[in-house]
N, C-alpha and C. Protein backbone atom coordinates (compact mmCIF):
# COMPACT_ATOMS: atom_id res chain seq x y z
N MET A 1 -30.51 272.56 37.14
CA MET A 1 -29.69 273.60 36.60
C MET A 1 -28.99 273.09 35.35
N SER A 2 -28.99 273.86 34.30
CA SER A 2 -28.38 273.43 33.04
C SER A 2 -26.85 273.49 33.16
N GLU A 3 -26.19 272.78 32.25
CA GLU A 3 -24.75 272.75 32.26
C GLU A 3 -24.19 274.16 32.08
N ALA A 4 -24.77 274.95 31.19
CA ALA A 4 -24.32 276.32 30.94
C ALA A 4 -24.48 277.15 32.19
N ALA A 5 -25.61 277.00 32.90
CA ALA A 5 -25.88 277.76 34.12
C ALA A 5 -24.86 277.37 35.22
N LEU A 6 -24.60 276.09 35.30
CA LEU A 6 -23.67 275.61 36.31
C LEU A 6 -22.25 276.17 36.00
N LEU A 7 -21.85 276.10 34.75
CA LEU A 7 -20.55 276.63 34.35
C LEU A 7 -20.45 278.13 34.66
N ARG A 8 -21.55 278.87 34.36
CA ARG A 8 -21.54 280.29 34.62
C ARG A 8 -21.40 280.57 36.13
N ARG A 9 -22.07 279.73 36.94
CA ARG A 9 -21.98 279.90 38.40
C ARG A 9 -20.56 279.63 38.90
N VAL A 10 -19.92 278.61 38.36
CA VAL A 10 -18.54 278.30 38.73
C VAL A 10 -17.65 279.47 38.35
N ILE A 11 -17.79 279.99 37.10
CA ILE A 11 -16.98 281.11 36.66
C ILE A 11 -17.21 282.36 37.50
N ASP A 12 -18.47 282.64 37.81
CA ASP A 12 -18.79 283.79 38.64
C ASP A 12 -18.19 283.73 40.03
N ASN A 13 -18.05 282.50 40.52
CA ASN A 13 -17.51 282.28 41.87
C ASN A 13 -16.05 281.89 41.89
N LEU A 14 -15.41 281.98 40.75
CA LEU A 14 -14.02 281.55 40.60
C LEU A 14 -13.08 282.22 41.60
N PRO A 15 -13.16 283.52 41.79
CA PRO A 15 -12.19 284.14 42.76
C PRO A 15 -12.36 283.50 44.15
N GLU A 16 -13.55 283.27 44.59
CA GLU A 16 -13.76 282.64 45.91
C GLU A 16 -13.25 281.19 45.89
N LEU A 17 -13.52 280.46 44.83
CA LEU A 17 -13.01 279.11 44.75
C LEU A 17 -11.52 279.07 44.71
N MET A 18 -10.90 280.00 43.97
CA MET A 18 -9.44 280.07 43.91
C MET A 18 -8.86 280.35 45.29
N ALA A 19 -9.50 281.24 46.01
CA ALA A 19 -9.00 281.59 47.34
C ALA A 19 -9.09 280.39 48.27
N ARG A 20 -10.05 279.52 48.06
CA ARG A 20 -10.16 278.33 48.91
C ARG A 20 -9.23 277.23 48.46
N VAL A 21 -9.09 277.02 47.18
CA VAL A 21 -8.24 275.96 46.67
C VAL A 21 -6.76 276.36 46.81
N ARG A 22 -6.37 277.52 46.36
CA ARG A 22 -5.10 278.21 46.53
C ARG A 22 -3.95 277.56 45.77
N ASN A 23 -3.84 276.29 45.60
CA ASN A 23 -2.68 275.67 44.94
C ASN A 23 -3.11 274.93 43.71
N VAL A 24 -2.27 274.98 42.69
CA VAL A 24 -2.55 274.25 41.45
C VAL A 24 -1.22 273.80 40.86
N GLU A 25 -1.24 272.64 40.24
CA GLU A 25 -0.02 272.16 39.56
C GLU A 25 -0.07 272.67 38.12
N VAL A 26 1.00 273.29 37.70
CA VAL A 26 1.08 273.85 36.33
C VAL A 26 2.07 273.06 35.52
N ARG A 27 1.66 272.66 34.33
CA ARG A 27 2.52 271.88 33.45
C ARG A 27 3.16 272.78 32.38
N GLU A 28 2.47 273.82 31.95
CA GLU A 28 3.07 274.75 31.03
C GLU A 28 2.47 276.12 31.21
N CYS A 29 3.19 277.16 30.80
CA CYS A 29 2.78 278.55 31.06
C CYS A 29 2.75 279.28 29.72
N ASN A 30 1.61 279.88 29.39
CA ASN A 30 1.56 280.66 28.14
C ASN A 30 1.82 282.13 28.39
N GLY A 31 2.13 282.48 29.65
CA GLY A 31 2.50 283.84 29.94
C GLY A 31 1.37 284.80 30.16
N SER A 32 0.13 284.31 30.16
CA SER A 32 -0.95 285.28 30.30
C SER A 32 -1.82 285.03 31.51
N SER A 33 -2.62 283.96 31.46
CA SER A 33 -3.58 283.81 32.54
C SER A 33 -4.02 282.36 32.74
N ILE A 34 -4.60 282.13 33.89
CA ILE A 34 -5.31 280.87 34.20
C ILE A 34 -6.71 281.30 34.52
N CYS A 35 -7.66 280.82 33.76
CA CYS A 35 -9.10 281.14 33.95
C CYS A 35 -9.32 282.64 34.03
N GLY A 36 -8.54 283.39 33.22
CA GLY A 36 -8.75 284.82 33.15
C GLY A 36 -8.04 285.63 34.25
N TYR A 37 -7.29 284.95 35.11
CA TYR A 37 -6.57 285.65 36.19
C TYR A 37 -5.11 285.72 35.84
N ALA A 38 -4.46 286.84 36.15
CA ALA A 38 -3.06 287.06 35.81
C ALA A 38 -2.19 285.94 36.35
N PHE A 39 -1.17 285.63 35.57
CA PHE A 39 -0.28 284.51 35.92
C PHE A 39 1.18 284.98 35.79
N ASP A 40 1.96 284.86 36.85
CA ASP A 40 3.33 285.28 36.84
C ASP A 40 4.19 284.14 36.35
N CYS A 41 4.72 284.23 35.13
CA CYS A 41 5.52 283.16 34.55
C CYS A 41 7.02 283.48 34.67
N SER A 42 7.40 284.23 35.68
CA SER A 42 8.81 284.59 35.82
C SER A 42 9.70 283.38 36.07
N LYS A 43 9.12 282.32 36.60
CA LYS A 43 9.85 281.07 36.77
C LYS A 43 9.23 280.04 35.84
N ALA A 44 10.05 279.44 35.00
CA ALA A 44 9.51 278.44 34.05
C ALA A 44 8.96 277.26 34.85
N PRO A 45 7.71 276.88 34.64
CA PRO A 45 7.15 275.77 35.40
C PRO A 45 7.74 274.45 34.99
N ALA A 46 7.81 273.55 35.96
CA ALA A 46 8.25 272.18 35.75
C ALA A 46 7.20 271.25 36.36
N ASP A 47 7.21 270.00 35.96
CA ASP A 47 6.26 269.06 36.58
C ASP A 47 6.40 269.11 38.08
N GLY A 48 5.27 269.18 38.74
CA GLY A 48 5.22 269.16 40.18
C GLY A 48 5.32 270.50 40.84
N ASP A 49 5.59 271.58 40.06
CA ASP A 49 5.64 272.90 40.66
C ASP A 49 4.29 273.29 41.24
N LEU A 50 4.32 274.06 42.29
CA LEU A 50 3.09 274.54 42.90
C LEU A 50 2.98 276.02 42.62
N TRP A 51 1.74 276.43 42.27
CA TRP A 51 1.42 277.84 42.04
C TRP A 51 0.27 278.20 42.95
N GLN A 52 0.28 279.38 43.47
CA GLN A 52 -0.74 279.79 44.42
C GLN A 52 -1.45 281.05 43.93
N PHE A 53 -2.78 281.07 44.08
CA PHE A 53 -3.56 282.22 43.72
C PHE A 53 -3.67 283.15 44.91
N ASP A 54 -3.25 284.39 44.74
CA ASP A 54 -3.37 285.39 45.79
C ASP A 54 -4.66 286.18 45.53
N SER A 55 -5.65 285.95 46.36
CA SER A 55 -6.95 286.55 46.14
C SER A 55 -6.94 288.07 46.31
N GLN A 56 -5.97 288.63 47.04
CA GLN A 56 -5.89 290.06 47.21
C GLN A 56 -5.36 290.73 45.95
N SER A 57 -4.30 290.17 45.38
CA SER A 57 -3.72 290.78 44.16
C SER A 57 -4.37 290.24 42.90
N GLY A 58 -4.99 289.08 43.00
CA GLY A 58 -5.58 288.44 41.83
C GLY A 58 -4.55 287.87 40.87
N ILE A 59 -3.40 287.52 41.41
CA ILE A 59 -2.34 286.97 40.57
C ILE A 59 -1.89 285.61 41.08
N TRP A 60 -1.62 284.71 40.12
CA TRP A 60 -1.03 283.40 40.43
C TRP A 60 0.48 283.58 40.52
N GLY A 61 1.10 282.98 41.51
CA GLY A 61 2.56 283.06 41.65
C GLY A 61 3.14 281.73 42.05
N HIS A 62 4.41 281.57 41.79
CA HIS A 62 5.13 280.31 42.12
C HIS A 62 5.29 280.20 43.64
N VAL A 63 5.12 278.96 44.17
CA VAL A 63 5.28 278.71 45.59
C VAL A 63 6.40 277.74 45.78
N THR A 64 7.34 278.05 46.63
CA THR A 64 8.39 277.12 46.98
C THR A 64 8.01 276.41 48.27
N PRO A 65 7.81 275.11 48.23
CA PRO A 65 7.40 274.38 49.45
C PRO A 65 8.43 274.65 50.58
N ALA A 66 7.87 274.75 51.79
CA ALA A 66 8.73 275.02 52.97
C ALA A 66 9.62 273.83 53.25
N VAL A 67 9.11 272.63 53.06
CA VAL A 67 9.91 271.42 53.32
C VAL A 67 9.59 270.37 52.26
N ALA A 68 10.56 269.54 52.02
CA ALA A 68 10.31 268.40 51.15
C ALA A 68 9.47 267.40 51.94
N ILE A 69 8.85 266.50 51.24
CA ILE A 69 7.99 265.52 51.94
C ILE A 69 8.83 264.38 52.53
N LEU A 70 9.81 263.92 51.80
CA LEU A 70 10.58 262.76 52.26
C LEU A 70 12.05 263.00 52.09
N GLY A 71 12.82 262.73 53.14
CA GLY A 71 14.26 262.86 53.08
C GLY A 71 14.90 261.61 53.65
N ALA A 72 16.21 261.48 53.50
CA ALA A 72 16.91 260.34 54.06
C ALA A 72 18.30 260.80 54.55
N ASP A 73 18.71 260.25 55.66
CA ASP A 73 20.00 260.54 56.24
C ASP A 73 20.62 259.27 56.73
N GLN A 74 21.95 259.18 56.65
CA GLN A 74 22.70 258.13 57.32
C GLN A 74 23.59 258.81 58.30
N LEU A 75 23.31 258.62 59.60
CA LEU A 75 23.99 259.36 60.65
C LEU A 75 24.71 258.42 61.60
N THR A 76 25.77 258.96 62.21
CA THR A 76 26.57 258.23 63.19
C THR A 76 26.43 258.93 64.55
N ILE A 77 26.20 258.12 65.57
CA ILE A 77 26.10 258.67 66.92
C ILE A 77 27.43 259.24 67.38
N SER A 78 27.38 260.37 68.01
CA SER A 78 28.58 260.99 68.60
C SER A 78 28.22 261.48 69.99
N GLY A 79 28.74 260.83 71.02
CA GLY A 79 28.42 261.23 72.39
C GLY A 79 26.95 261.08 72.72
N GLY A 80 26.27 260.09 72.11
CA GLY A 80 24.87 259.83 72.37
C GLY A 80 23.91 260.68 71.51
N VAL A 81 24.48 261.44 70.58
CA VAL A 81 23.73 262.42 69.81
C VAL A 81 23.84 262.16 68.29
N ILE A 82 22.72 262.38 67.58
CA ILE A 82 22.77 262.47 66.13
C ILE A 82 22.17 263.85 65.77
N ALA A 83 22.61 264.40 64.65
CA ALA A 83 22.10 265.68 64.18
C ALA A 83 21.49 265.53 62.81
N LEU A 84 20.19 265.77 62.71
CA LEU A 84 19.50 265.63 61.42
C LEU A 84 20.04 266.71 60.47
N THR A 85 20.16 266.33 59.24
CA THR A 85 20.56 267.30 58.19
C THR A 85 19.41 267.55 57.23
N SER A 86 18.40 266.73 57.22
CA SER A 86 17.27 266.87 56.31
C SER A 86 16.20 267.73 56.96
N THR A 87 15.63 268.65 56.21
CA THR A 87 14.52 269.45 56.70
C THR A 87 13.18 268.92 56.19
N ALA A 88 13.20 267.71 55.59
CA ALA A 88 11.97 267.13 55.06
C ALA A 88 10.97 266.85 56.18
N LEU A 89 9.71 266.81 55.84
CA LEU A 89 8.65 266.54 56.80
C LEU A 89 8.79 265.12 57.35
N ILE A 90 9.10 264.16 56.49
CA ILE A 90 9.28 262.80 56.90
C ILE A 90 10.71 262.38 56.52
N VAL A 91 11.46 261.90 57.51
CA VAL A 91 12.87 261.58 57.28
C VAL A 91 13.14 260.12 57.69
N PHE A 92 13.77 259.36 56.81
CA PHE A 92 14.21 258.00 57.11
C PHE A 92 15.69 258.10 57.46
N VAL A 93 16.07 257.63 58.66
CA VAL A 93 17.45 257.76 59.12
C VAL A 93 17.97 256.39 59.54
N THR A 94 19.13 256.01 58.95
CA THR A 94 19.83 254.86 59.45
C THR A 94 20.88 255.39 60.42
N VAL A 95 21.01 254.75 61.56
CA VAL A 95 21.90 255.21 62.63
C VAL A 95 22.99 254.19 62.86
N ASP A 96 24.23 254.65 62.89
CA ASP A 96 25.35 253.78 63.18
C ASP A 96 25.98 254.16 64.53
N THR A 97 26.68 253.22 65.13
CA THR A 97 27.30 253.46 66.40
C THR A 97 28.59 254.29 66.23
N GLU A 98 28.94 254.94 67.32
CA GLU A 98 30.15 255.77 67.31
C GLU A 98 31.39 254.89 67.20
N GLY A 99 32.25 255.17 66.27
CA GLY A 99 33.49 254.40 66.08
C GLY A 99 33.25 252.95 65.74
N ALA A 100 32.10 252.63 65.15
CA ALA A 100 31.73 251.26 64.76
C ALA A 100 31.76 250.30 65.95
N ALA A 101 31.42 250.85 67.16
CA ALA A 101 31.35 250.03 68.37
C ALA A 101 30.24 248.98 68.22
N ALA A 102 30.31 247.92 69.01
CA ALA A 102 29.33 246.83 68.93
C ALA A 102 27.94 247.35 69.35
N ASN A 103 27.90 248.32 70.26
CA ASN A 103 26.59 248.89 70.66
C ASN A 103 26.80 250.34 71.11
N ASP A 104 25.71 251.08 71.07
CA ASP A 104 25.77 252.50 71.44
C ASP A 104 24.37 252.96 71.79
N ASP A 105 24.30 253.98 72.66
CA ASP A 105 23.01 254.56 73.05
C ASP A 105 22.75 255.85 72.28
N LEU A 106 21.49 256.03 71.86
CA LEU A 106 21.07 257.27 71.26
C LEU A 106 20.08 257.96 72.23
N ASP A 107 20.50 259.12 72.74
CA ASP A 107 19.63 259.80 73.71
C ASP A 107 19.22 261.21 73.29
N THR A 108 19.81 261.72 72.23
CA THR A 108 19.45 263.09 71.77
C THR A 108 19.47 263.14 70.25
N ILE A 109 18.45 263.81 69.72
CA ILE A 109 18.40 264.06 68.28
C ILE A 109 18.27 265.55 68.10
N ASN A 110 19.31 266.15 67.47
CA ASN A 110 19.31 267.59 67.22
C ASN A 110 18.88 267.87 65.80
N GLY A 111 18.44 269.11 65.55
CA GLY A 111 18.14 269.56 64.20
C GLY A 111 16.74 269.26 63.73
N GLY A 112 15.81 268.97 64.63
CA GLY A 112 14.44 268.64 64.22
C GLY A 112 13.66 269.88 63.88
N ALA A 113 12.50 269.68 63.26
CA ALA A 113 11.59 270.75 62.92
C ALA A 113 10.21 270.43 63.50
N VAL A 114 9.44 271.45 63.77
CA VAL A 114 8.08 271.27 64.33
C VAL A 114 7.27 270.35 63.41
N GLY A 115 6.72 269.27 63.96
CA GLY A 115 5.88 268.34 63.20
C GLY A 115 6.62 267.33 62.38
N GLN A 116 7.94 267.33 62.43
CA GLN A 116 8.76 266.41 61.64
C GLN A 116 8.57 264.98 62.17
N ILE A 117 8.50 264.04 61.24
CA ILE A 117 8.36 262.63 61.56
C ILE A 117 9.68 261.95 61.14
N LEU A 118 10.19 261.13 62.06
CA LEU A 118 11.48 260.50 61.90
C LEU A 118 11.32 258.98 62.01
N ILE A 119 11.77 258.26 60.96
CA ILE A 119 11.80 256.83 60.97
C ILE A 119 13.23 256.39 61.18
N LEU A 120 13.51 255.72 62.30
CA LEU A 120 14.87 255.29 62.64
C LEU A 120 15.06 253.81 62.36
N ALA A 121 16.21 253.45 61.83
CA ALA A 121 16.63 252.06 61.72
C ALA A 121 18.12 252.03 61.96
N GLU A 122 18.66 250.89 62.38
CA GLU A 122 20.09 250.86 62.57
C GLU A 122 20.76 250.56 61.23
N ALA A 123 21.96 251.10 61.08
CA ALA A 123 22.68 251.02 59.80
C ALA A 123 23.27 249.63 59.56
N ASN A 124 23.58 248.90 60.64
CA ASN A 124 24.30 247.63 60.48
C ASN A 124 23.84 246.66 61.61
N SER A 125 23.36 245.52 61.22
CA SER A 125 22.85 244.52 62.18
C SER A 125 23.93 244.07 63.17
N ALA A 126 25.18 244.27 62.83
CA ALA A 126 26.28 243.82 63.72
C ALA A 126 26.56 244.89 64.79
N ARG A 127 25.96 246.10 64.66
CA ARG A 127 26.18 247.18 65.60
C ARG A 127 24.84 247.69 66.10
N ASP A 128 24.54 247.39 67.37
CA ASP A 128 23.20 247.64 67.96
C ASP A 128 23.11 249.07 68.51
N VAL A 129 21.97 249.70 68.20
CA VAL A 129 21.68 251.03 68.71
C VAL A 129 20.49 250.92 69.67
N THR A 130 20.64 251.50 70.86
CA THR A 130 19.56 251.55 71.82
C THR A 130 19.06 252.97 71.94
N VAL A 131 17.79 253.17 71.60
CA VAL A 131 17.15 254.50 71.74
C VAL A 131 16.72 254.58 73.21
N LYS A 132 17.23 255.60 73.91
CA LYS A 132 17.04 255.75 75.34
C LYS A 132 15.79 256.60 75.65
N ASP A 133 14.99 256.13 76.58
CA ASP A 133 13.80 256.86 77.03
C ASP A 133 14.17 257.82 78.15
N GLY A 134 13.64 259.03 78.10
CA GLY A 134 13.80 259.99 79.21
C GLY A 134 15.20 260.52 79.35
N THR A 135 16.03 260.33 78.33
CA THR A 135 17.40 260.86 78.37
C THR A 135 17.52 261.85 77.23
N GLY A 136 18.24 262.94 77.44
CA GLY A 136 18.37 263.95 76.37
C GLY A 136 16.99 264.50 76.04
N ASN A 137 16.60 264.45 74.74
CA ASN A 137 15.32 265.00 74.33
C ASN A 137 14.37 263.93 73.82
N MET A 138 14.49 262.71 74.35
CA MET A 138 13.67 261.57 73.91
C MET A 138 12.60 261.22 74.91
N ASN A 139 11.39 260.99 74.43
CA ASN A 139 10.30 260.54 75.27
C ASN A 139 9.66 259.36 74.57
N THR A 140 10.03 258.16 74.98
CA THR A 140 9.56 256.93 74.34
C THR A 140 8.92 256.04 75.38
N ALA A 141 8.38 254.90 74.93
CA ALA A 141 7.73 253.94 75.82
C ALA A 141 8.77 252.97 76.36
N GLY A 142 9.86 253.53 76.90
CA GLY A 142 10.95 252.69 77.41
C GLY A 142 12.07 252.61 76.38
N ASP A 143 13.21 252.14 76.84
CA ASP A 143 14.38 251.99 75.96
C ASP A 143 14.02 250.98 74.86
N PHE A 144 14.60 251.18 73.67
CA PHE A 144 14.37 250.27 72.56
C PHE A 144 15.72 249.89 71.94
N ALA A 145 16.08 248.62 72.13
CA ALA A 145 17.34 248.13 71.58
C ALA A 145 17.08 247.58 70.17
N MET A 146 17.63 248.31 69.19
CA MET A 146 17.50 247.81 67.82
C MET A 146 18.70 246.88 67.58
N SER A 147 18.41 245.59 67.35
CA SER A 147 19.46 244.60 67.19
C SER A 147 19.53 244.05 65.79
N ASP A 148 18.74 244.60 64.89
CA ASP A 148 18.68 244.13 63.53
C ASP A 148 18.37 245.32 62.62
N ALA A 149 18.91 245.37 61.43
CA ALA A 149 18.68 246.49 60.53
C ALA A 149 17.19 246.57 60.13
N ALA A 150 16.43 245.53 60.37
CA ALA A 150 14.98 245.55 60.05
C ALA A 150 14.15 246.18 61.15
N ASP A 151 14.76 246.40 62.35
CA ASP A 151 14.04 247.05 63.46
C ASP A 151 13.86 248.54 63.12
N THR A 152 12.70 249.08 63.49
CA THR A 152 12.42 250.49 63.25
C THR A 152 11.71 251.13 64.41
N MET A 153 11.88 252.44 64.52
CA MET A 153 11.17 253.26 65.51
C MET A 153 10.71 254.52 64.78
N VAL A 154 9.46 254.93 65.04
CA VAL A 154 8.93 256.15 64.44
C VAL A 154 8.70 257.18 65.53
N LEU A 155 9.29 258.34 65.36
CA LEU A 155 9.19 259.43 66.30
C LEU A 155 8.64 260.69 65.60
N TYR A 156 8.08 261.60 66.40
CA TYR A 156 7.74 262.90 65.86
C TYR A 156 8.13 263.98 66.82
N SER A 157 8.35 265.19 66.28
CA SER A 157 8.75 266.33 67.11
C SER A 157 7.60 267.32 67.18
N PRO A 158 7.01 267.50 68.36
CA PRO A 158 5.91 268.46 68.48
C PRO A 158 6.39 269.91 68.48
N ASP A 159 7.67 270.11 68.77
CA ASP A 159 8.14 271.46 68.94
C ASP A 159 9.49 271.76 68.26
N GLY A 160 10.03 270.80 67.54
CA GLY A 160 11.31 270.99 66.89
C GLY A 160 12.50 270.78 67.78
N ALA A 161 12.24 270.47 69.07
CA ALA A 161 13.33 270.31 70.03
C ALA A 161 13.30 268.96 70.74
N SER A 162 12.14 268.37 70.87
CA SER A 162 11.99 267.09 71.57
C SER A 162 11.36 266.05 70.60
N TRP A 163 11.53 264.79 71.02
CA TRP A 163 11.03 263.69 70.17
C TRP A 163 10.17 262.75 71.00
N ARG A 164 9.02 262.36 70.43
CA ARG A 164 8.07 261.44 71.08
C ARG A 164 7.87 260.22 70.19
N GLU A 165 7.79 259.09 70.82
CA GLU A 165 7.59 257.82 70.07
C GLU A 165 6.16 257.71 69.56
N LEU A 166 6.04 257.32 68.28
CA LEU A 166 4.74 256.96 67.70
C LEU A 166 4.58 255.45 67.63
N SER A 167 5.68 254.76 67.26
CA SER A 167 5.62 253.28 67.18
C SER A 167 7.04 252.71 67.13
N ARG A 168 7.11 251.42 67.33
CA ARG A 168 8.35 250.68 67.16
C ARG A 168 8.04 249.29 66.63
N SER A 169 9.02 248.72 65.98
CA SER A 169 8.83 247.39 65.40
C SER A 169 10.15 246.62 65.58
N ASN A 170 10.08 245.55 66.40
CA ASN A 170 11.24 244.67 66.61
C ASN A 170 11.12 243.53 65.64
N ASN A 171 11.88 243.60 64.58
CA ASN A 171 11.77 242.59 63.48
C ASN A 171 12.90 241.59 63.47
N ALA A 172 13.68 241.53 64.54
CA ALA A 172 14.81 240.60 64.60
C ALA A 172 14.33 239.17 64.67
């Protein structure tokens, strides 16, 4: 097949390809079209913006991601509980003990989202956090006492309400 014939085939099948690909990163908008399809430039594009092709209307429109990819929180245990404030898909959390106590138990994590991944580390090597198994909404491979700020535990939430262990690393 010649280059011209291949290009013609791609152009002829562009609506189907667009419907399959659906997202594109736009660096600038001339207010008219992408590959001959209407483009809604009502929001000025910026690097990293996502635009989606709607195959039913034939128009490209701006997409606001449902969640950020990576977030970070520094949380303090209160009554065995921490409450996530980040809605990111992957969250790194440093956890401190209640009242700067020498040690504390973590048995419940509130504020999760379906499919969210949580990387836990303790905030201060002088204050030990123990992640409790089978208590609150935690399902881990046994209690995990983090005794060093380099210790980590990775959890995920299958339902936005409970947490399951994926891995742990005792780096003390």
